[in-house]
N, C-alpha and C. Protein backbone atom coordinates (compact mmCIF):
# COMPACT_ATOMS: atom_id res chain seq x y z
N UNK A 1 132.86 147.49 -62.74
CA UNK A 1 132.54 148.03 -61.44
C UNK A 1 131.06 148.58 -61.12
N UNK A 2 130.43 147.73 -59.19
CA UNK A 2 129.28 148.73 -59.39
C UNK A 2 129.40 150.12 -59.10
N UNK A 3 127.97 150.45 -58.99
CA UNK A 3 127.55 151.78 -58.86
C UNK A 3 128.58 152.58 -57.71
N UNK A 4 128.78 152.46 -56.75
CA UNK A 4 129.19 152.17 -55.31
C UNK A 4 130.39 153.79 -55.29
N UNK A 5 129.77 154.58 -54.12
CA UNK A 5 130.65 155.41 -53.54
C UNK A 5 130.83 154.75 -52.20
N UNK A 6 131.85 154.34 -51.59
CA UNK A 6 132.72 154.34 -49.88
C UNK A 6 132.88 155.39 -49.32
N UNK A 7 132.35 154.92 -48.40
CA UNK A 7 131.97 156.63 -47.27
C UNK A 7 132.85 155.41 -45.92
N UNK A 8 133.11 156.59 -44.93
CA UNK A 8 133.49 156.08 -43.80
C UNK A 8 132.16 155.58 -42.88
N UNK A 9 132.34 154.68 -42.05
CA UNK A 9 130.40 154.31 -41.55
C UNK A 9 130.60 155.10 -40.24
N UNK A 10 129.13 154.91 -40.01
CA UNK A 10 128.51 156.17 -38.84
C UNK A 10 130.20 155.57 -37.43
N UNK A 11 130.29 155.97 -36.56
CA UNK A 11 130.89 155.33 -35.28
C UNK A 11 130.66 154.44 -34.88
N UNK A 12 131.17 153.56 -34.11
CA UNK A 12 130.71 152.44 -33.59
C UNK A 12 130.00 152.32 -33.12
N UNK A 13 130.67 153.55 -31.70
CA UNK A 13 129.30 153.85 -30.75
C UNK A 13 127.99 153.89 -30.49
N UNK A 14 127.87 154.69 -31.81
CA UNK A 14 126.68 155.12 -31.92
C UNK A 14 125.79 153.93 -32.82
N UNK A 15 126.56 153.55 -33.88
CA UNK A 15 125.78 151.72 -34.29
C UNK A 15 125.55 151.35 -33.23
N UNK A 16 126.80 150.80 -31.89
CA UNK A 16 126.25 149.65 -31.53
C UNK A 16 124.63 150.34 -30.56
N UNK A 17 125.32 151.60 -30.11
CA UNK A 17 123.72 152.72 -29.68
C UNK A 17 122.37 151.92 -30.18
N UNK A 18 122.53 152.40 -31.50
CA UNK A 18 121.44 152.13 -32.32
C UNK A 18 120.73 150.39 -32.53
N UNK A 19 122.16 149.57 -32.81
CA UNK A 19 121.64 148.00 -32.73
C UNK A 19 121.45 147.49 -31.13
N UNK A 20 121.70 148.43 -30.53
CA UNK A 20 120.99 147.86 -28.85
C UNK A 20 119.40 148.22 -28.88
N UNK A 21 119.67 149.82 -29.04
CA UNK A 21 118.17 150.07 -29.06
C UNK A 21 117.11 149.45 -29.58
N UNK A 22 117.54 148.97 -30.87
CA UNK A 22 116.25 148.56 -31.43
C UNK A 22 115.99 146.76 -30.68
N UNK A 23 117.23 146.43 -30.06
CA UNK A 23 117.02 144.99 -29.41
C UNK A 23 116.04 145.31 -28.17
N UNK A 24 116.32 146.19 -27.33
CA UNK A 24 115.39 146.85 -26.38
C UNK A 24 113.94 147.14 -26.93
N UNK A 25 113.95 147.15 -28.42
CA UNK A 25 112.38 147.73 -28.59
C UNK A 25 111.87 146.89 -28.98
N UNK A 26 112.67 146.07 -29.87
CA UNK A 26 111.84 144.78 -31.00
C UNK A 26 112.07 143.23 -30.54
N UNK A 27 113.25 143.32 -29.89
CA UNK A 27 113.22 141.62 -29.02
C UNK A 27 114.77 140.99 -30.39
N UNK A 28 115.09 142.13 -31.59
CA UNK A 28 116.24 141.26 -31.99
C UNK A 28 117.32 141.40 -31.17
N UNK A 29 117.76 140.46 -30.82
CA UNK A 29 119.81 140.60 -29.96
C UNK A 29 120.27 141.67 -31.32
N UNK A 30 121.09 142.31 -30.74
CA UNK A 30 121.91 143.20 -31.82
C UNK A 30 123.06 142.70 -32.43
N UNK A 31 123.64 141.53 -32.51
CA UNK A 31 124.23 141.08 -33.17
C UNK A 31 124.06 140.96 -34.51
N UNK A 32 122.77 140.28 -34.62
CA UNK A 32 122.22 140.32 -35.76
C UNK A 32 122.18 141.30 -36.73
N UNK A 33 121.56 142.69 -35.83
CA UNK A 33 121.56 143.37 -36.79
C UNK A 33 123.25 144.16 -36.93
N UNK A 34 123.59 143.85 -36.48
CA UNK A 34 125.43 144.54 -36.76
C UNK A 34 125.54 143.39 -38.02
N UNK A 35 125.86 142.02 -37.68
CA UNK A 35 125.58 141.35 -38.66
C UNK A 35 125.30 141.82 -39.87
N UNK A 36 124.36 141.97 -40.14
CA UNK A 36 123.10 142.25 -41.37
C UNK A 36 124.03 143.63 -41.57
N UNK A 37 124.37 144.68 -41.03
CA UNK A 37 124.57 145.73 -42.12
C UNK A 37 126.27 145.59 -42.09
N UNK A 38 126.90 144.25 -41.60
CA UNK A 38 128.39 144.19 -41.77
C UNK A 38 128.83 143.81 -43.52
N UNK A 39 127.01 142.18 -43.45
CA UNK A 39 127.18 141.59 -45.00
C UNK A 39 126.71 142.82 -45.76
N UNK A 40 125.96 142.81 -45.68
CA UNK A 40 125.08 144.25 -46.52
C UNK A 40 125.90 145.18 -47.44
N UNK A 41 126.13 146.68 -46.30
CA UNK A 41 127.03 147.27 -46.47
C UNK A 41 128.58 147.81 -46.09
N UNK A 42 129.45 146.87 -45.32
CA UNK A 42 130.52 147.09 -44.50
C UNK A 42 130.11 147.95 -43.64
N UNK A 43 128.79 147.90 -43.00
CA UNK A 43 128.51 148.54 -41.83
C UNK A 43 128.44 150.19 -42.01
N UNK A 44 127.55 149.96 -43.49
CA UNK A 44 127.22 151.08 -43.78
C UNK A 44 128.35 152.31 -45.11
N UNK A 45 129.25 151.56 -44.93
CA UNK A 45 130.65 152.13 -46.07
C UNK A 45 130.03 152.11 -47.57
N UNK A 46 128.97 151.24 -47.81
CA UNK A 46 129.07 150.91 -49.31
C UNK A 46 127.41 151.78 -49.76
N UNK A 47 127.77 152.99 -50.75
CA UNK A 47 126.65 153.70 -50.37
C UNK A 47 126.09 153.30 -51.78
N UNK A 48 124.99 153.37 -52.62
CA UNK A 48 124.71 152.90 -53.76
C UNK A 48 123.56 151.79 -54.16
N UNK A 49 122.47 151.54 -54.73
CA UNK A 49 121.21 150.71 -55.63
C UNK A 49 122.08 149.87 -55.76
N UNK A 50 121.64 148.48 -54.92
CA UNK A 50 121.98 147.27 -55.55
C UNK A 50 121.74 146.49 -56.84
N UNK A 51 122.08 145.80 -57.73
CA UNK A 51 121.80 145.37 -59.10
C UNK A 51 120.19 144.72 -59.31
N UNK A 52 120.01 144.96 -57.44
CA UNK A 52 118.34 144.46 -57.25
C UNK A 52 117.15 145.08 -57.33
N UNK A 53 118.42 146.98 -56.99
CA UNK A 53 116.86 147.74 -56.43
C UNK A 53 117.11 147.97 -54.61
N UNK A 54 117.64 147.00 -54.16
CA UNK A 54 117.92 147.02 -52.69
C UNK A 54 118.93 148.97 -52.69
N UNK A 55 118.33 149.32 -50.99
CA UNK A 55 118.54 150.44 -50.78
C UNK A 55 119.17 150.89 -49.81
N UNK A 56 119.67 151.49 -49.19
CA UNK A 56 120.17 151.99 -47.52
C UNK A 56 121.51 151.11 -47.21
N UNK A 57 121.63 151.17 -46.00
CA UNK A 57 122.74 150.62 -45.41
C UNK A 57 122.61 149.52 -44.47
N UNK A 58 121.47 149.20 -44.76
CA UNK A 58 120.73 147.57 -44.43
C UNK A 58 120.14 146.94 -45.88
N UNK A 59 120.13 147.77 -46.76
CA UNK A 59 119.80 147.14 -48.20
C UNK A 59 118.32 146.82 -48.06
N UNK A 60 117.05 147.53 -48.41
CA UNK A 60 116.14 147.54 -48.27
C UNK A 60 115.50 147.41 -49.58
N UNK A 61 114.28 146.76 -49.99
CA UNK A 61 114.01 146.74 -51.52
C UNK A 61 112.86 147.85 -51.06
N UNK A 62 112.52 148.58 -51.98
CA UNK A 62 111.68 149.55 -51.70
C UNK A 62 110.60 149.42 -51.27
N UNK A 63 110.03 147.89 -51.56
CA UNK A 63 108.45 147.75 -50.72
C UNK A 63 108.79 147.78 -49.79
N UNK A 64 109.52 146.24 -49.84
CA UNK A 64 109.67 146.47 -48.12
C UNK A 64 109.87 147.30 -47.04
N UNK A 65 111.07 148.32 -47.84
CA UNK A 65 111.05 149.61 -46.84
C UNK A 65 109.79 149.98 -46.91
N UNK A 66 108.99 150.57 -47.49
CA UNK A 66 107.79 150.89 -47.20
C UNK A 66 106.72 150.22 -46.16
N UNK A 67 106.92 148.67 -46.32
CA UNK A 67 105.83 147.84 -45.15
C UNK A 67 106.80 148.21 -43.65
N UNK A 68 107.96 148.15 -43.70
CA UNK A 68 108.45 147.89 -42.35
C UNK A 68 109.26 149.17 -42.03
N UNK A 69 110.08 150.17 -42.98
CA UNK A 69 109.86 151.19 -42.68
C UNK A 69 109.57 152.55 -42.30
N UNK A 70 110.13 153.46 -41.44
CA UNK A 70 110.14 154.66 -41.39
C UNK A 70 110.96 155.91 -41.40
N UNK A 71 110.36 156.76 -42.17
CA UNK A 71 111.93 157.90 -42.35
C UNK A 71 112.48 157.56 -43.85
N UNK A 72 113.38 157.48 -43.49
CA UNK A 72 114.92 157.48 -44.13
C UNK A 72 115.60 156.59 -44.65
N UNK A 73 115.19 155.52 -45.29
CA UNK A 73 116.30 154.10 -46.21
C UNK A 73 117.62 154.07 -45.83
N UNK A 74 118.10 155.84 -45.98
CA UNK A 74 119.40 155.93 -46.17
C UNK A 74 120.25 156.44 -44.50
N UNK A 75 119.23 156.37 -43.71
CA UNK A 75 119.60 156.83 -42.09
C UNK A 75 119.66 155.77 -40.84
N UNK A 76 120.92 155.33 -40.89
CA UNK A 76 121.33 154.35 -40.58
C UNK A 76 120.24 153.69 -39.22
N UNK A 77 120.00 154.85 -38.79
CA UNK A 77 119.30 154.40 -36.89
C UNK A 77 117.91 154.09 -37.60
N UNK A 78 117.32 154.54 -38.55
CA UNK A 78 116.16 154.55 -39.16
C UNK A 78 116.16 153.12 -40.11
N UNK A 79 117.39 152.56 -40.52
CA UNK A 79 117.16 151.83 -41.36
C UNK A 79 117.91 150.01 -40.23
N UNK A 80 118.49 150.59 -39.55
CA UNK A 80 118.31 149.30 -38.61
C UNK A 80 117.24 149.11 -37.50
N UNK A 81 116.31 149.91 -37.50
CA UNK A 81 115.14 149.84 -36.70
C UNK A 81 114.20 149.33 -37.65
N UNK A 82 114.11 149.58 -39.49
CA UNK A 82 112.86 148.83 -39.96
C UNK A 82 113.53 147.61 -40.34
N UNK A 83 114.97 147.28 -40.25
CA UNK A 83 115.19 145.96 -40.40
C UNK A 83 114.63 144.76 -38.99
N UNK A 84 114.65 145.34 -37.77
CA UNK A 84 114.59 145.00 -36.79
C UNK A 84 113.10 144.28 -36.95
N UNK A 85 112.19 145.93 -37.37
CA UNK A 85 110.72 145.13 -37.54
C UNK A 85 110.53 144.39 -38.61
N UNK A 86 111.43 144.10 -39.29
CA UNK A 86 110.84 143.31 -40.53
C UNK A 86 111.71 141.87 -40.27
N UNK A 87 112.73 141.82 -39.18
CA UNK A 87 112.85 140.37 -39.00
C UNK A 87 111.58 140.00 -38.06
N UNK A 88 111.24 140.51 -37.23
CA UNK A 88 109.94 140.06 -36.12
C UNK A 88 109.31 139.74 -36.72
N UNK A 89 108.75 140.73 -37.92
CA UNK A 89 107.41 140.28 -39.11
C UNK A 89 107.80 138.75 -39.33
N UNK A 90 109.17 138.02 -39.63
CA UNK A 90 109.33 137.36 -40.45
C UNK A 90 110.00 136.03 -39.39
N UNK A 91 109.44 136.14 -37.59
CA UNK A 91 109.55 135.45 -37.03
C UNK A 91 110.73 135.33 -36.07
N UNK A 92 111.53 136.38 -36.08
CA UNK A 92 112.76 136.04 -35.27
C UNK A 92 112.37 136.98 -34.00
N UNK A 93 112.71 136.65 -32.73
CA UNK A 93 114.00 136.13 -32.76
C UNK A 93 114.06 134.91 -32.54
N UNK A 94 112.86 134.44 -32.38
CA UNK A 94 112.37 132.85 -32.63
C UNK A 94 112.91 132.15 -33.22
N UNK A 95 113.05 132.35 -34.37
CA UNK A 95 113.43 131.55 -35.62
C UNK A 95 114.33 132.54 -36.61
N UNK A 96 115.40 133.01 -36.35
CA UNK A 96 116.30 133.65 -36.71
C UNK A 96 116.53 133.07 -37.90
N UNK A 97 116.94 131.97 -38.17
CA UNK A 97 117.61 131.33 -39.31
C UNK A 97 116.15 131.91 -40.51
N UNK A 98 114.98 131.61 -39.58
CA UNK A 98 113.89 131.74 -40.83
C UNK A 98 114.08 133.55 -41.41
N UNK A 99 113.89 134.00 -40.17
CA UNK A 99 113.46 135.15 -40.48
C UNK A 99 115.02 136.14 -41.59
N UNK A 100 116.26 135.73 -41.34
CA UNK A 100 117.21 135.88 -41.79
C UNK A 100 117.25 135.90 -43.49
N UNK A 101 116.61 134.59 -44.22
CA UNK A 101 115.83 133.93 -45.23
C UNK A 101 115.62 134.88 -45.81
N UNK A 102 114.21 135.24 -44.97
CA UNK A 102 113.15 135.95 -45.04
C UNK A 102 113.82 137.42 -46.13
N UNK A 103 114.94 137.78 -45.08
CA UNK A 103 116.25 139.22 -45.21
C UNK A 103 116.18 138.84 -47.01
N UNK A 104 116.86 137.99 -47.27
CA UNK A 104 117.71 137.39 -47.99
C UNK A 104 118.01 135.98 -48.58
N UNK A 105 117.33 135.57 -49.10
CA UNK A 105 117.30 134.10 -50.12
C UNK A 105 117.83 133.75 -50.51
N UNK A 106 119.36 133.39 -49.30
CA UNK A 106 120.61 132.55 -50.01
C UNK A 106 120.79 131.83 -48.47
N UNK A 107 121.54 130.79 -48.54
CA UNK A 107 121.39 130.06 -47.62
C UNK A 107 123.29 130.56 -47.20
N UNK A 108 124.17 130.89 -48.20
CA UNK A 108 125.29 131.37 -47.59
C UNK A 108 124.93 132.87 -46.78
N UNK A 109 123.59 133.68 -47.34
CA UNK A 109 123.58 134.51 -46.28
C UNK A 109 123.22 133.75 -44.78
N UNK A 110 122.45 133.27 -44.97
CA UNK A 110 121.90 133.12 -43.48
C UNK A 110 123.07 132.49 -42.17
N UNK A 111 124.25 131.97 -43.23
CA UNK A 111 125.06 131.56 -42.80
C UNK A 111 126.25 132.33 -42.11
N UNK A 112 126.64 133.12 -43.08
CA UNK A 112 127.39 134.33 -42.96
C UNK A 112 127.25 135.19 -41.37
N UNK A 113 125.61 135.70 -41.73
CA UNK A 113 125.36 136.35 -40.77
C UNK A 113 125.21 135.65 -39.71
N UNK A 114 124.17 134.69 -39.28
CA UNK A 114 124.57 133.82 -37.97
C UNK A 114 126.32 134.03 -37.39
N UNK A 115 127.32 133.53 -38.31
CA UNK A 115 128.52 133.25 -37.63
C UNK A 115 128.86 134.78 -37.53
N UNK A 116 128.78 135.44 -38.12
CA UNK A 116 129.08 137.41 -38.03
C UNK A 116 128.58 137.12 -36.42
N UNK A 117 127.19 137.27 -35.72
CA UNK A 117 126.49 137.17 -35.17
C UNK A 117 126.87 136.43 -34.17
N UNK A 118 127.80 135.27 -34.20
CA UNK A 118 128.43 134.33 -33.03
C UNK A 118 129.39 135.13 -32.82
N UNK A 119 129.78 135.47 -33.78
CA UNK A 119 131.35 135.90 -33.41
C UNK A 119 131.07 136.79 -32.51
N UNK A 120 131.00 137.97 -32.47
CA UNK A 120 130.40 138.92 -31.90
C UNK A 120 129.83 138.42 -30.31
N UNK A 121 129.05 137.96 -30.02
CA UNK A 121 128.51 136.76 -28.83
C UNK A 121 129.76 136.60 -28.25
N UNK A 122 130.25 135.62 -29.13
CA UNK A 122 131.37 135.02 -27.81
C UNK A 122 132.97 135.92 -28.18
N UNK A 123 133.22 137.10 -28.52
CA UNK A 123 134.42 137.74 -28.66
C UNK A 123 133.89 139.54 -28.25
N UNK A 124 134.08 139.92 -27.00
CA UNK A 124 133.59 141.18 -27.31
C UNK A 124 134.39 141.90 -27.88
N UNK A 125 135.30 141.96 -28.46
CA UNK A 125 136.01 142.93 -29.41
C UNK A 125 135.86 142.25 -30.47
N UNK A 126 134.93 141.86 -31.09
CA UNK A 126 134.90 141.18 -32.46
C UNK A 126 133.74 142.30 -33.27
N UNK A 127 133.07 142.96 -32.56
CA UNK A 127 132.08 144.22 -33.19
C UNK A 127 133.01 145.84 -33.37
N UNK A 128 134.30 145.77 -32.80
CA UNK A 128 134.99 147.12 -33.45
C UNK A 128 135.92 146.43 -33.86
N UNK A 129 136.50 145.28 -34.20
CA UNK A 129 137.17 144.61 -35.84
C UNK A 129 136.39 145.10 -37.05
N UNK A 130 135.10 144.43 -36.78
CA UNK A 130 134.30 143.93 -37.65
C UNK A 130 134.04 145.45 -38.14
N UNK A 131 134.08 146.60 -37.29
CA UNK A 131 133.65 147.91 -37.68
C UNK A 131 134.98 148.74 -38.52
N UNK A 132 135.96 147.91 -38.28
CA UNK A 132 136.99 148.55 -38.59
C UNK A 132 137.46 148.16 -40.02
N UNK A 133 136.59 147.37 -40.34
CA UNK A 133 137.18 146.31 -41.74
C UNK A 133 136.81 147.32 -42.77
N UNK A 134 137.94 147.31 -43.75
CA UNK A 134 137.31 148.17 -45.16
C UNK A 134 136.59 146.93 -46.22
N UNK A 135 136.09 147.89 -47.35
CA UNK A 135 135.60 147.45 -48.68
C UNK A 135 136.39 146.28 -49.52
N UNK A 136 136.31 145.14 -50.27
CA UNK A 136 137.02 144.77 -50.54
C UNK A 136 135.76 143.98 -51.98
N UNK A 137 136.77 143.99 -53.05
CA UNK A 137 135.95 143.97 -53.97
C UNK A 137 136.51 142.33 -54.62
N UNK A 138 135.91 141.37 -54.95
CA UNK A 138 136.43 140.42 -55.64
C UNK A 138 136.17 140.55 -57.13
N UNK A 139 136.83 140.39 -58.00
CA UNK A 139 136.83 140.28 -59.41
C UNK A 139 137.52 139.19 -60.40
N UNK A 140 137.12 139.36 -61.70
CA UNK A 140 138.16 138.19 -62.31
C UNK A 140 139.71 139.28 -62.79
N UNK A 141 140.19 140.32 -62.27
CA UNK A 141 140.89 140.68 -62.34
C UNK A 141 141.72 141.40 -60.99
N UNK A 142 140.83 140.29 -60.12
CA UNK A 142 141.56 140.21 -59.20
C UNK A 142 140.51 140.82 -58.16
N UNK A 143 141.68 141.04 -56.61
CA UNK A 143 140.84 141.62 -55.31
C UNK A 143 141.05 142.89 -55.57
N UNK A 144 140.28 144.08 -55.39
CA UNK A 144 140.78 145.02 -55.27
C UNK A 144 140.29 146.04 -53.89
N UNK A 145 140.96 146.55 -53.18
CA UNK A 145 140.52 147.25 -51.63
C UNK A 145 139.80 148.34 -51.92
N UNK A 146 138.42 149.22 -51.75
CA UNK A 146 138.14 150.35 -52.36
C UNK A 146 137.94 151.05 -50.97
N UNK A 147 138.96 151.92 -50.88
CA UNK A 147 138.97 152.86 -49.83
C UNK A 147 138.33 153.95 -49.42
N UNK A 148 137.88 154.48 -48.41
CA UNK A 148 137.03 155.58 -48.49
C UNK A 148 137.24 156.90 -49.05
N UNK A 149 136.32 157.33 -49.89
CA UNK A 149 136.67 158.07 -50.85
C UNK A 149 136.33 157.82 -52.24
N UNK A 150 136.39 156.36 -52.34
CA UNK A 150 136.35 155.69 -53.57
C UNK A 150 134.96 155.87 -53.65
N UNK A 151 134.81 156.01 -55.34
CA UNK A 151 133.59 156.53 -56.20
C UNK A 151 133.66 155.68 -58.06
N UNK A 152 132.35 155.42 -57.71
CA UNK A 152 132.66 154.29 -59.54
C UNK A 152 132.54 155.64 -60.72
N UNK A 153 133.11 155.67 -61.67
CA UNK A 153 133.11 156.31 -62.79
C UNK A 153 132.06 155.32 -63.06
N UNK A 154 131.41 156.55 -64.09
CA UNK A 154 130.33 155.61 -64.85
C UNK A 154 131.06 154.32 -65.77
N UNK A 155 130.40 153.34 -65.88
CA UNK A 155 130.74 151.72 -66.45
C UNK A 155 132.23 152.14 -66.86
N UNK A 156 133.09 152.37 -65.73
CA UNK A 156 134.49 152.15 -65.28
C UNK A 156 135.11 150.57 -65.78
N UNK A 157 135.69 150.03 -66.67
CA UNK A 157 136.35 148.94 -66.57
C UNK A 157 136.54 148.26 -65.39
N UNK A 158 136.53 146.94 -65.25
CA UNK A 158 137.32 147.07 -63.74
C UNK A 158 139.19 146.67 -64.48
N UNK A 159 139.11 146.46 -65.26
CA UNK A 159 141.13 146.46 -65.92
C UNK A 159 141.31 147.52 -65.96
N UNK A 160 140.89 149.13 -66.36
CA UNK A 160 141.02 150.49 -66.51
C UNK A 160 141.10 150.65 -64.78
N UNK A 161 140.42 150.16 -64.35
CA UNK A 161 140.01 150.51 -62.58
C UNK A 161 141.39 150.23 -62.31
N UNK A 162 141.92 149.25 -62.14
CA UNK A 162 142.85 148.41 -61.91
C UNK A 162 144.61 149.12 -62.28
N UNK A 163 144.40 149.53 -63.80
CA UNK A 163 145.75 149.95 -64.33
C UNK A 163 145.43 151.72 -63.57
N UNK A 164 144.46 152.46 -63.49
CA UNK A 164 144.72 153.57 -62.78
C UNK A 164 144.37 154.09 -61.28
N UNK A 165 144.21 153.01 -60.86
CA UNK A 165 144.89 152.95 -58.97
C UNK A 165 145.71 152.40 -58.36
N UNK A 166 146.53 151.10 -59.89
CA UNK A 166 147.26 150.19 -59.15
C UNK A 166 146.52 148.79 -58.46
N UNK A 167 145.45 148.88 -58.43
CA UNK A 167 143.87 147.66 -57.68
C UNK A 167 143.80 147.88 -56.18
């Protein structure tokens, strides 16, 4: 299991205000910022450093945060603003696919962020629905739901977690 802690996300109204504020300041559509936050950390629910070393609700590598961030990488508002600065430097909003590729070098990542952003544009209630999603973790032992309050025990094998929690 990853060394994560699952927490409640910031209130939807606060996140939306921060995304929209970053859009007004930097020009990156707020739906893309929300989609990145969703894909990276389930809108801030997942706390922990990735296996690659990325940190915070928008998952910045330390060097990228140093270049584009201001303040605390774990502060959602500051992380959203840092993501907007990084995306602008990478070609957004004119080349969103290229900017997203710079953010995470994966075609699947780019497609996922684009699709979630498109859904939020098309369906006004989609953001609220995504904000309500929980955290699921896919393993060879099965799919696990990680509720708010879940915290990985040091190096706990998946089968022991499933036995302890019932999956």
